[in-house]
Amino acid sequence: MIAVLVIDMQNAFFEDPVLSNCRESVTMACNGIIAAAQESGAKVLLVKTEHEEDKSTWTLNMLEDDQGFIFRGTSQSDFVSGLRTEGLPQMVKTRDSAFLGTDLLLRLRNWNIDTIALVGVSTHNCIAQTAADAFGHNVRVVYAAEATASENPEAAAAVQDILCREYRQQVLSIREIKDRLMAPLNGQEPSP
């Protein structure tokens, strides 16, 4: 079974000018995949990054720079306007990978998930780290091409190419992801 993980679709990440320019299109693409998942009965998990102001959750570079980011309860930590969130489960992470220090693997196992569709930002950081850790847990990964973005497109393409080649992960169009989500409703076996 497939689940959709919506990664870091938060105001803070779209403060970057490159991501700001694609916020609306990525949000609409994410919403399309969320809608297809809900229609098919597939699971959707909203994953967000949040940190504490007391430095207890800060990453090494945040500690070295003595500058925190995305504090819990601030507008930076809110999901972007227009993203479908109502009624969807949420999970907070403090590192790039959604697996590190969270109960993500437990959730996926409880839902009988063997494949995750990753959407959101940033392709070369949080999405890539989540994808690499998914491979380590024998969870297949597909990326929704139009529903992912990065402030560094060259790094994103390079990292994604390595993950696809080495870990047999796939970059699919929104249409292909929607078809996989809808396959069980249409009496088809979803492809791996």
N, C-alpha and C. Protein backbone atom coordinates (compact mmCIF):
# COMPACT_ATOMS: atom_id res chain seq x y z
N MET A 1 0.83 -1.18 0.00
CA MET A 1 0.00 0.00 0.00
C MET A 1 0.88 1.25 0.00
N ILE A 2 0.29 2.30 -0.50
CA ILE A 2 1.03 3.56 -0.64
C ILE A 2 0.43 4.62 0.29
N ALA A 3 1.30 5.44 0.85
CA ALA A 3 0.89 6.59 1.66
C ALA A 3 1.60 7.83 1.11
N VAL A 4 0.97 8.97 1.30
CA VAL A 4 1.54 10.25 0.87
C VAL A 4 2.11 10.97 2.08
N LEU A 5 3.37 11.36 2.00
CA LEU A 5 4.00 12.18 3.03
C LEU A 5 4.20 13.58 2.47
N VAL A 6 3.57 14.56 3.10
CA VAL A 6 3.70 15.96 2.70
C VAL A 6 4.75 16.58 3.62
N ILE A 7 5.90 16.90 3.05
CA ILE A 7 7.06 17.31 3.83
C ILE A 7 7.26 18.83 3.82
N ASP A 8 7.26 19.43 5.00
CA ASP A 8 7.71 20.81 5.22
C ASP A 8 7.03 21.87 4.35
N MET A 9 5.76 21.71 4.10
CA MET A 9 5.03 22.75 3.36
C MET A 9 4.64 23.86 4.34
N GLN A 10 5.67 24.55 4.84
CA GLN A 10 5.53 25.55 5.89
C GLN A 10 6.01 26.92 5.42
N ASN A 11 5.46 27.94 6.03
CA ASN A 11 5.79 29.31 5.65
C ASN A 11 7.30 29.57 5.64
N ALA A 12 8.02 29.09 6.62
CA ALA A 12 9.45 29.39 6.75
C ALA A 12 10.24 29.00 5.50
N PHE A 13 9.93 27.85 4.94
CA PHE A 13 10.70 27.39 3.79
C PHE A 13 10.43 28.22 2.55
N PHE A 14 9.24 28.77 2.46
CA PHE A 14 8.88 29.56 1.28
C PHE A 14 9.28 31.02 1.41
N GLU A 15 10.03 31.36 2.48
CA GLU A 15 10.65 32.68 2.57
C GLU A 15 11.80 32.79 1.58
N ASP A 16 12.36 31.66 1.19
CA ASP A 16 13.42 31.65 0.18
C ASP A 16 12.82 32.11 -1.15
N PRO A 17 13.50 33.04 -1.87
CA PRO A 17 12.94 33.59 -3.10
C PRO A 17 12.65 32.53 -4.18
N VAL A 18 13.52 31.55 -4.32
CA VAL A 18 13.30 30.51 -5.34
C VAL A 18 12.04 29.71 -5.00
N LEU A 19 11.91 29.30 -3.75
CA LEU A 19 10.71 28.54 -3.36
C LEU A 19 9.47 29.42 -3.35
N SER A 20 9.63 30.67 -3.00
CA SER A 20 8.49 31.59 -3.00
C SER A 20 7.84 31.66 -4.37
N ASN A 21 8.65 31.62 -5.41
CA ASN A 21 8.14 31.71 -6.78
C ASN A 21 7.32 30.50 -7.19
N CYS A 22 7.51 29.37 -6.52
CA CYS A 22 6.76 28.16 -6.91
C CYS A 22 5.78 27.70 -5.83
N ARG A 23 5.59 28.52 -4.80
CA ARG A 23 4.73 28.13 -3.68
C ARG A 23 3.32 27.74 -4.14
N GLU A 24 2.72 28.57 -4.95
CA GLU A 24 1.35 28.31 -5.37
C GLU A 24 1.25 27.03 -6.20
N SER A 25 2.15 26.84 -7.14
CA SER A 25 2.07 25.64 -8.00
C SER A 25 2.36 24.36 -7.21
N VAL A 26 3.32 24.40 -6.30
CA VAL A 26 3.62 23.22 -5.49
C VAL A 26 2.46 22.92 -4.53
N THR A 27 1.87 23.96 -3.96
CA THR A 27 0.73 23.76 -3.06
C THR A 27 -0.44 23.13 -3.82
N MET A 28 -0.72 23.63 -5.01
CA MET A 28 -1.82 23.06 -5.81
C MET A 28 -1.53 21.61 -6.18
N ALA A 29 -0.28 21.32 -6.53
CA ALA A 29 0.10 19.94 -6.88
C ALA A 29 -0.04 19.02 -5.66
N CYS A 30 0.41 19.49 -4.50
CA CYS A 30 0.25 18.71 -3.26
C CYS A 30 -1.22 18.45 -2.99
N ASN A 31 -2.05 19.49 -3.14
CA ASN A 31 -3.47 19.34 -2.90
C ASN A 31 -4.11 18.32 -3.83
N GLY A 32 -3.65 18.28 -5.07
CA GLY A 32 -4.17 17.29 -6.02
C GLY A 32 -3.85 15.87 -5.59
N ILE A 33 -2.65 15.66 -5.10
CA ILE A 33 -2.26 14.33 -4.63
C ILE A 33 -2.98 13.99 -3.33
N ILE A 34 -3.11 14.96 -2.43
CA ILE A 34 -3.85 14.73 -1.19
C ILE A 34 -5.29 14.33 -1.50
N ALA A 35 -5.92 15.03 -2.42
CA ALA A 35 -7.31 14.73 -2.80
C ALA A 35 -7.43 13.32 -3.37
N ALA A 36 -6.51 12.95 -4.24
CA ALA A 36 -6.53 11.60 -4.83
C ALA A 36 -6.33 10.54 -3.74
N ALA A 37 -5.43 10.81 -2.81
CA ALA A 37 -5.20 9.87 -1.72
C ALA A 37 -6.45 9.72 -0.87
N GLN A 38 -7.09 10.83 -0.53
CA GLN A 38 -8.30 10.77 0.29
C GLN A 38 -9.42 10.03 -0.45
N GLU A 39 -9.53 10.28 -1.73
CA GLU A 39 -10.57 9.61 -2.52
C GLU A 39 -10.35 8.10 -2.58
N SER A 40 -9.09 7.70 -2.63
CA SER A 40 -8.77 6.27 -2.75
C SER A 40 -8.70 5.58 -1.39
N GLY A 41 -8.74 6.36 -0.31
CA GLY A 41 -8.62 5.78 1.03
C GLY A 41 -7.19 5.60 1.48
N ALA A 42 -6.24 6.12 0.70
CA ALA A 42 -4.83 6.03 1.08
C ALA A 42 -4.54 7.01 2.22
N LYS A 43 -3.52 6.70 2.98
CA LYS A 43 -3.13 7.53 4.11
C LYS A 43 -2.32 8.74 3.64
N VAL A 44 -2.51 9.86 4.32
CA VAL A 44 -1.73 11.08 4.10
C VAL A 44 -1.21 11.52 5.46
N LEU A 45 0.06 11.89 5.51
CA LEU A 45 0.66 12.39 6.75
C LEU A 45 1.33 13.72 6.46
N LEU A 46 0.94 14.75 7.21
CA LEU A 46 1.57 16.06 7.11
C LEU A 46 2.76 16.08 8.06
N VAL A 47 3.95 16.30 7.50
CA VAL A 47 5.18 16.29 8.29
C VAL A 47 5.72 17.71 8.32
N LYS A 48 5.98 18.21 9.52
CA LYS A 48 6.51 19.57 9.63
C LYS A 48 7.72 19.60 10.54
N THR A 49 8.56 20.61 10.31
CA THR A 49 9.73 20.84 11.14
C THR A 49 9.39 21.92 12.16
N GLU A 50 9.75 21.66 13.41
CA GLU A 50 9.60 22.66 14.46
C GLU A 50 10.75 22.51 15.45
N HIS A 51 11.19 23.65 15.96
CA HIS A 51 12.25 23.64 16.97
C HIS A 51 11.81 24.42 18.20
N GLU A 52 12.48 24.13 19.29
CA GLU A 52 12.26 24.84 20.55
C GLU A 52 13.25 26.00 20.65
N GLU A 53 12.84 27.08 21.25
CA GLU A 53 13.72 28.24 21.38
C GLU A 53 14.86 27.99 22.36
N ASP A 54 14.75 27.00 23.23
CA ASP A 54 15.78 26.75 24.24
C ASP A 54 16.99 25.97 23.70
N LYS A 55 17.04 25.75 22.40
CA LYS A 55 18.15 25.08 21.70
C LYS A 55 18.16 23.56 21.88
N SER A 56 17.22 23.00 22.61
CA SER A 56 17.24 21.56 22.87
C SER A 56 17.02 20.72 21.63
N THR A 57 16.44 21.29 20.58
CA THR A 57 16.17 20.52 19.37
C THR A 57 16.99 21.01 18.17
N TRP A 58 17.86 21.95 18.40
CA TRP A 58 18.60 22.56 17.30
C TRP A 58 19.58 21.58 16.66
N THR A 59 19.78 21.78 15.35
CA THR A 59 20.76 20.98 14.62
C THR A 59 22.17 21.54 14.89
N LEU A 60 23.17 20.79 14.50
CA LEU A 60 24.55 21.20 14.74
C LEU A 60 24.85 22.56 14.12
N ASN A 61 24.43 22.79 12.88
CA ASN A 61 24.72 24.09 12.26
C ASN A 61 23.96 25.23 12.94
N MET A 62 22.77 24.97 13.44
CA MET A 62 22.03 25.99 14.19
C MET A 62 22.78 26.33 15.49
N LEU A 63 23.28 25.31 16.17
CA LEU A 63 24.03 25.53 17.40
C LEU A 63 25.33 26.30 17.13
N GLU A 64 26.04 25.91 16.07
CA GLU A 64 27.30 26.58 15.73
C GLU A 64 27.08 28.04 15.36
N ASP A 65 25.96 28.31 14.66
CA ASP A 65 25.66 29.69 14.25
C ASP A 65 24.89 30.46 15.31
N ASP A 66 24.49 29.77 16.39
CA ASP A 66 23.67 30.35 17.45
C ASP A 66 22.43 31.06 16.88
N GLN A 67 21.80 30.35 15.92
CA GLN A 67 20.61 30.92 15.29
C GLN A 67 19.60 29.80 15.03
N GLY A 68 18.48 29.90 15.71
CA GLY A 68 17.42 28.91 15.54
C GLY A 68 16.54 29.22 14.35
N PHE A 69 15.58 28.32 14.11
CA PHE A 69 14.75 28.40 12.91
C PHE A 69 13.46 27.64 13.16
N ILE A 70 12.38 28.14 12.69
CA ILE A 70 11.05 27.51 12.76
C ILE A 70 10.68 27.10 14.19
N PHE A 71 10.48 28.08 15.00
CA PHE A 71 10.10 27.80 16.38
C PHE A 71 8.62 27.42 16.49
N ARG A 72 8.37 26.45 17.34
CA ARG A 72 7.01 25.97 17.57
C ARG A 72 6.10 27.15 17.94
N GLY A 73 4.92 27.16 17.33
CA GLY A 73 3.92 28.17 17.65
C GLY A 73 4.06 29.48 16.90
N THR A 74 5.06 29.60 16.02
CA THR A 74 5.23 30.83 15.24
C THR A 74 4.58 30.68 13.87
N SER A 75 4.40 31.80 13.20
CA SER A 75 3.82 31.75 11.85
C SER A 75 4.76 31.03 10.88
N GLN A 76 6.06 31.05 11.16
CA GLN A 76 7.00 30.31 10.31
C GLN A 76 6.67 28.82 10.30
N SER A 77 6.21 28.29 11.42
CA SER A 77 5.95 26.85 11.51
C SER A 77 4.60 26.46 10.93
N ASP A 78 3.74 27.43 10.62
CA ASP A 78 2.42 27.12 10.07
C ASP A 78 2.54 26.57 8.66
N PHE A 79 1.59 25.72 8.30
CA PHE A 79 1.51 25.24 6.92
C PHE A 79 1.16 26.42 6.01
N VAL A 80 1.61 26.36 4.76
CA VAL A 80 1.34 27.45 3.82
C VAL A 80 -0.17 27.58 3.59
N SER A 81 -0.58 28.78 3.36
CA SER A 81 -1.99 29.06 3.09
C SER A 81 -2.44 28.29 1.85
N GLY A 82 -3.60 27.70 1.94
CA GLY A 82 -4.15 26.98 0.81
C GLY A 82 -3.88 25.49 0.79
N LEU A 83 -2.95 25.03 1.63
CA LEU A 83 -2.66 23.59 1.68
C LEU A 83 -3.80 22.87 2.39
N ARG A 84 -4.25 21.76 1.82
CA ARG A 84 -5.30 20.96 2.44
C ARG A 84 -4.73 20.26 3.68
N THR A 85 -5.23 20.62 4.85
CA THR A 85 -4.73 20.02 6.08
C THR A 85 -5.84 19.48 6.97
N GLU A 86 -7.06 19.89 6.72
CA GLU A 86 -8.16 19.55 7.62
C GLU A 86 -8.34 18.04 7.78
N GLY A 87 -8.34 17.62 9.03
CA GLY A 87 -8.58 16.21 9.35
C GLY A 87 -7.41 15.28 9.11
N LEU A 88 -6.28 15.81 8.65
CA LEU A 88 -5.12 14.95 8.34
C LEU A 88 -4.19 14.84 9.54
N PRO A 89 -3.65 13.65 9.77
CA PRO A 89 -2.69 13.50 10.87
C PRO A 89 -1.42 14.29 10.58
N GLN A 90 -0.78 14.74 11.65
CA GLN A 90 0.46 15.51 11.54
C GLN A 90 1.55 14.87 12.39
N MET A 91 2.78 15.14 11.98
CA MET A 91 3.93 14.66 12.73
C MET A 91 5.00 15.76 12.70
N VAL A 92 5.65 15.97 13.83
CA VAL A 92 6.71 16.98 13.93
C VAL A 92 8.06 16.29 13.92
N LYS A 93 8.99 16.87 13.17
CA LYS A 93 10.37 16.38 13.15
C LYS A 93 11.30 17.54 13.47
N THR A 94 12.52 17.22 13.87
CA THR A 94 13.52 18.25 14.15
C THR A 94 14.77 18.08 13.30
N ARG A 95 14.77 17.10 12.43
CA ARG A 95 15.91 16.85 11.54
C ARG A 95 15.40 16.73 10.12
N ASP A 96 16.33 16.68 9.15
CA ASP A 96 15.92 16.59 7.76
C ASP A 96 15.08 15.34 7.50
N SER A 97 15.51 14.20 7.99
CA SER A 97 14.78 12.96 7.76
C SER A 97 13.55 12.89 8.66
N ALA A 98 12.43 12.54 8.05
CA ALA A 98 11.18 12.35 8.82
C ALA A 98 11.24 11.08 9.67
N PHE A 99 12.24 10.24 9.46
CA PHE A 99 12.38 9.01 10.25
C PHE A 99 13.17 9.24 11.55
N LEU A 100 14.08 10.20 11.55
CA LEU A 100 15.01 10.37 12.66
C LEU A 100 14.30 10.98 13.88
N GLY A 101 14.24 10.22 14.96
CA GLY A 101 13.67 10.70 16.20
C GLY A 101 12.16 10.83 16.21
N THR A 102 11.48 10.14 15.30
CA THR A 102 10.02 10.22 15.22
C THR A 102 9.43 8.81 15.25
N ASP A 103 8.12 8.74 15.23
CA ASP A 103 7.43 7.45 15.18
C ASP A 103 6.94 7.13 13.76
N LEU A 104 7.59 7.70 12.74
CA LEU A 104 7.14 7.50 11.36
C LEU A 104 7.11 6.02 10.97
N LEU A 105 8.16 5.28 11.26
CA LEU A 105 8.19 3.87 10.87
C LEU A 105 7.04 3.10 11.52
N LEU A 106 6.76 3.36 12.77
CA LEU A 106 5.64 2.72 13.46
C LEU A 106 4.32 3.04 12.76
N ARG A 107 4.12 4.30 12.42
CA ARG A 107 2.90 4.69 11.71
C ARG A 107 2.77 3.94 10.39
N LEU A 108 3.86 3.89 9.63
CA LEU A 108 3.82 3.20 8.33
C LEU A 108 3.52 1.72 8.51
N ARG A 109 4.14 1.09 9.50
CA ARG A 109 3.88 -0.33 9.76
C ARG A 109 2.43 -0.55 10.20
N ASN A 110 1.90 0.32 11.07
CA ASN A 110 0.51 0.19 11.51
C ASN A 110 -0.47 0.34 10.36
N TRP A 111 -0.10 1.14 9.37
CA TRP A 111 -0.95 1.34 8.20
C TRP A 111 -0.68 0.32 7.09
N ASN A 112 0.25 -0.62 7.30
CA ASN A 112 0.64 -1.61 6.29
C ASN A 112 1.16 -0.96 5.00
N ILE A 113 1.97 0.06 5.16
CA ILE A 113 2.51 0.82 4.02
C ILE A 113 3.84 0.22 3.60
N ASP A 114 4.00 0.00 2.28
CA ASP A 114 5.28 -0.45 1.76
C ASP A 114 5.91 0.57 0.80
N THR A 115 5.13 1.61 0.45
CA THR A 115 5.60 2.63 -0.48
C THR A 115 5.13 4.00 0.02
N ILE A 116 6.03 4.98 -0.05
CA ILE A 116 5.62 6.35 0.27
C ILE A 116 5.82 7.23 -0.95
N ALA A 117 4.86 8.11 -1.17
CA ALA A 117 4.96 9.14 -2.19
C ALA A 117 5.35 10.43 -1.47
N LEU A 118 6.49 10.99 -1.83
CA LEU A 118 6.99 12.18 -1.17
C LEU A 118 6.65 13.43 -1.97
N VAL A 119 6.06 14.41 -1.28
CA VAL A 119 5.76 15.70 -1.88
C VAL A 119 6.20 16.77 -0.90
N GLY A 120 6.45 17.99 -1.39
CA GLY A 120 6.82 19.09 -0.53
C GLY A 120 8.21 19.63 -0.83
N VAL A 121 8.89 20.11 0.21
CA VAL A 121 10.19 20.74 0.06
C VAL A 121 11.13 20.26 1.18
N SER A 122 12.36 20.42 1.03
CA SER A 122 13.17 20.68 -0.12
C SER A 122 13.73 19.36 -0.65
N THR A 123 13.69 19.22 -1.95
CA THR A 123 14.05 17.97 -2.59
C THR A 123 15.44 17.48 -2.21
N HIS A 124 16.41 18.38 -2.15
CA HIS A 124 17.79 17.96 -1.89
C HIS A 124 18.10 17.80 -0.42
N ASN A 125 17.21 18.22 0.47
CA ASN A 125 17.45 18.10 1.92
C ASN A 125 16.47 17.14 2.57
N CYS A 126 15.38 17.65 3.05
CA CYS A 126 14.45 16.85 3.85
C CYS A 126 13.81 15.71 3.07
N ILE A 127 13.46 15.95 1.83
CA ILE A 127 12.88 14.87 1.03
C ILE A 127 13.93 13.80 0.75
N ALA A 128 15.13 14.21 0.38
CA ALA A 128 16.19 13.25 0.08
C ALA A 128 16.58 12.44 1.31
N GLN A 129 16.71 13.10 2.47
CA GLN A 129 17.08 12.38 3.68
C GLN A 129 16.00 11.40 4.10
N THR A 130 14.74 11.80 3.95
CA THR A 130 13.63 10.90 4.26
C THR A 130 13.64 9.72 3.31
N ALA A 131 13.90 9.98 2.04
CA ALA A 131 13.93 8.92 1.04
C ALA A 131 15.07 7.93 1.31
N ALA A 132 16.24 8.43 1.66
CA ALA A 132 17.38 7.55 1.95
C ALA A 132 17.07 6.67 3.16
N ASP A 133 16.48 7.26 4.20
CA ASP A 133 16.15 6.47 5.38
C ASP A 133 15.01 5.49 5.11
N ALA A 134 14.11 5.83 4.22
CA ALA A 134 13.04 4.90 3.83
C ALA A 134 13.66 3.64 3.24
N PHE A 135 14.65 3.82 2.37
CA PHE A 135 15.34 2.68 1.78
C PHE A 135 15.95 1.80 2.87
N GLY A 136 16.54 2.42 3.87
CA GLY A 136 17.12 1.68 4.99
C GLY A 136 16.11 0.86 5.77
N HIS A 137 14.84 1.26 5.69
CA HIS A 137 13.76 0.54 6.37
C HIS A 137 12.93 -0.32 5.41
N ASN A 138 13.46 -0.55 4.19
CA ASN A 138 12.77 -1.35 3.17
C ASN A 138 11.40 -0.79 2.80
N VAL A 139 11.31 0.52 2.73
CA VAL A 139 10.10 1.20 2.27
C VAL A 139 10.43 1.81 0.91
N ARG A 140 9.62 1.49 -0.10
CA ARG A 140 9.83 2.05 -1.44
C ARG A 140 9.45 3.52 -1.46
N VAL A 141 10.06 4.27 -2.39
CA VAL A 141 9.81 5.70 -2.49
C VAL A 141 9.53 6.08 -3.93
N VAL A 142 8.50 6.93 -4.09
CA VAL A 142 8.26 7.62 -5.35
C VAL A 142 8.16 9.10 -5.02
N TYR A 143 8.64 9.92 -5.95
CA TYR A 143 8.60 11.37 -5.80
C TYR A 143 7.58 11.91 -6.80
N ALA A 144 6.79 12.87 -6.37
CA ALA A 144 5.86 13.53 -7.28
C ALA A 144 6.58 14.73 -7.90
N ALA A 145 6.92 14.62 -9.16
CA ALA A 145 7.76 15.62 -9.82
C ALA A 145 7.25 17.04 -9.65
N GLU A 146 5.98 17.27 -9.94
CA GLU A 146 5.44 18.62 -9.89
C GLU A 146 5.10 19.08 -8.48
N ALA A 147 5.12 18.17 -7.53
CA ALA A 147 4.73 18.50 -6.16
C ALA A 147 5.92 18.53 -5.21
N THR A 148 7.13 18.62 -5.77
CA THR A 148 8.33 18.78 -4.96
C THR A 148 9.09 19.99 -5.50
N ALA A 149 9.86 20.61 -4.64
CA ALA A 149 10.63 21.78 -5.07
C ALA A 149 11.85 21.93 -4.17
N SER A 150 12.79 22.72 -4.67
CA SER A 150 14.03 22.96 -3.93
C SER A 150 14.54 24.35 -4.25
N GLU A 151 15.19 24.96 -3.26
CA GLU A 151 15.83 26.25 -3.51
C GLU A 151 17.14 26.08 -4.26
N ASN A 152 17.58 24.83 -4.45
CA ASN A 152 18.80 24.52 -5.19
C ASN A 152 18.49 23.42 -6.20
N PRO A 153 17.90 23.77 -7.35
CA PRO A 153 17.47 22.76 -8.32
C PRO A 153 18.58 21.84 -8.82
N GLU A 154 19.80 22.36 -8.94
CA GLU A 154 20.91 21.53 -9.42
C GLU A 154 21.24 20.44 -8.40
N ALA A 155 21.33 20.81 -7.14
CA ALA A 155 21.59 19.82 -6.09
C ALA A 155 20.45 18.83 -6.00
N ALA A 156 19.22 19.32 -6.14
CA ALA A 156 18.06 18.44 -6.08
C ALA A 156 18.11 17.39 -7.18
N ALA A 157 18.42 17.82 -8.39
CA ALA A 157 18.48 16.87 -9.51
C ALA A 157 19.59 15.84 -9.30
N ALA A 158 20.74 16.30 -8.81
CA ALA A 158 21.86 15.38 -8.59
C ALA A 158 21.55 14.36 -7.51
N VAL A 159 21.01 14.81 -6.39
CA VAL A 159 20.69 13.90 -5.28
C VAL A 159 19.60 12.92 -5.70
N GLN A 160 18.57 13.44 -6.36
CA GLN A 160 17.47 12.58 -6.76
C GLN A 160 17.94 11.53 -7.78
N ASP A 161 18.84 11.93 -8.66
CA ASP A 161 19.39 10.98 -9.64
C ASP A 161 20.12 9.84 -8.94
N ILE A 162 20.91 10.16 -7.93
CA ILE A 162 21.64 9.13 -7.17
C ILE A 162 20.66 8.21 -6.46
N LEU A 163 19.66 8.78 -5.78
CA LEU A 163 18.69 7.96 -5.04
C LEU A 163 17.89 7.07 -5.98
N CYS A 164 17.53 7.58 -7.13
CA CYS A 164 16.77 6.77 -8.09
C CYS A 164 17.63 5.65 -8.66
N ARG A 165 18.87 5.97 -8.96
CA ARG A 165 19.76 4.96 -9.55
C ARG A 165 20.18 3.91 -8.51
N GLU A 166 20.60 4.35 -7.34
CA GLU A 166 21.14 3.43 -6.34
C GLU A 166 20.06 2.70 -5.55
N TYR A 167 18.94 3.38 -5.26
CA TYR A 167 17.90 2.81 -4.39
C TYR A 167 16.63 2.42 -5.15
N ARG A 168 16.68 2.54 -6.48
CA ARG A 168 15.55 2.17 -7.34
C ARG A 168 14.29 2.97 -7.01
N GLN A 169 14.47 4.19 -6.60
CA GLN A 169 13.34 5.08 -6.36
C GLN A 169 12.95 5.71 -7.69
N GLN A 170 11.73 6.24 -7.76
CA GLN A 170 11.23 6.76 -9.03
C GLN A 170 10.68 8.18 -8.87
N VAL A 171 10.91 8.99 -9.89
CA VAL A 171 10.26 10.29 -10.00
C VAL A 171 9.10 10.09 -10.97
N LEU A 172 7.90 10.35 -10.49
CA LEU A 172 6.69 10.15 -11.29
C LEU A 172 5.93 11.46 -11.44
N SER A 173 5.12 11.52 -12.47
CA SER A 173 4.25 12.69 -12.64
C SER A 173 3.09 12.59 -11.65
N ILE A 174 2.42 13.68 -11.45
CA ILE A 174 1.24 13.67 -10.57
C ILE A 174 0.22 12.66 -11.10
N ARG A 175 0.05 12.62 -12.40
CA ARG A 175 -0.91 11.68 -13.00
C ARG A 175 -0.54 10.24 -12.65
N GLU A 176 0.74 9.90 -12.74
CA GLU A 176 1.18 8.54 -12.41
C GLU A 176 0.97 8.21 -10.94
N ILE A 177 1.22 9.19 -10.07
CA ILE A 177 1.00 8.96 -8.63
C ILE A 177 -0.50 8.77 -8.38
N LYS A 178 -1.31 9.61 -8.99
CA LYS A 178 -2.76 9.49 -8.81
C LYS A 178 -3.24 8.12 -9.31
N ASP A 179 -2.70 7.66 -10.43
CA ASP A 179 -3.08 6.33 -10.96
C ASP A 179 -2.71 5.24 -9.96
N ARG A 180 -1.55 5.34 -9.33
CA ARG A 180 -1.15 4.35 -8.32
C ARG A 180 -2.07 4.39 -7.11
N LEU A 181 -2.44 5.60 -6.70
CA LEU A 181 -3.35 5.73 -5.56
C LEU A 181 -4.73 5.15 -5.87
N MET A 182 -5.18 5.33 -7.10
CA MET A 182 -6.53 4.90 -7.48
C MET A 182 -6.58 3.44 -7.93
N ALA A 183 -5.44 2.81 -8.16
CA ALA A 183 -5.39 1.43 -8.67
C ALA A 183 -6.26 0.47 -7.87
N PRO A 184 -6.20 0.45 -6.54
CA PRO A 184 -7.04 -0.49 -5.79
C PRO A 184 -8.54 -0.27 -6.01
N LEU A 185 -8.95 1.00 -6.20
CA LEU A 185 -10.36 1.29 -6.44
C LEU A 185 -10.81 0.80 -7.82
N ASN A 186 -9.86 0.74 -8.74
CA ASN A 186 -10.16 0.31 -10.09
C ASN A 186 -9.91 -1.18 -10.30
N GLY A 187 -9.71 -1.90 -9.20
CA GLY A 187 -9.49 -3.34 -9.26
C GLY A 187 -8.14 -3.75 -9.79
N GLN A 188 -7.19 -2.84 -9.74
CA GLN A 188 -5.84 -3.12 -10.24
C GLN A 188 -4.89 -3.29 -9.07
N GLU A 189 -3.81 -3.97 -9.33
CA GLU A 189 -2.73 -4.10 -8.35
C GLU A 189 -1.79 -2.92 -8.53
N PRO A 190 -1.54 -2.13 -7.48
CA PRO A 190 -0.61 -1.00 -7.65
C PRO A 190 0.78 -1.49 -8.02
N SER A 191 1.47 -0.76 -8.93
CA SER A 191 2.83 -1.17 -9.29
C SER A 191 3.82 -0.80 -8.20
N PRO A 192 4.93 -1.56 -8.12
CA PRO A 192 5.92 -1.27 -7.08
C PRO A 192 6.70 -0.01 -7.38
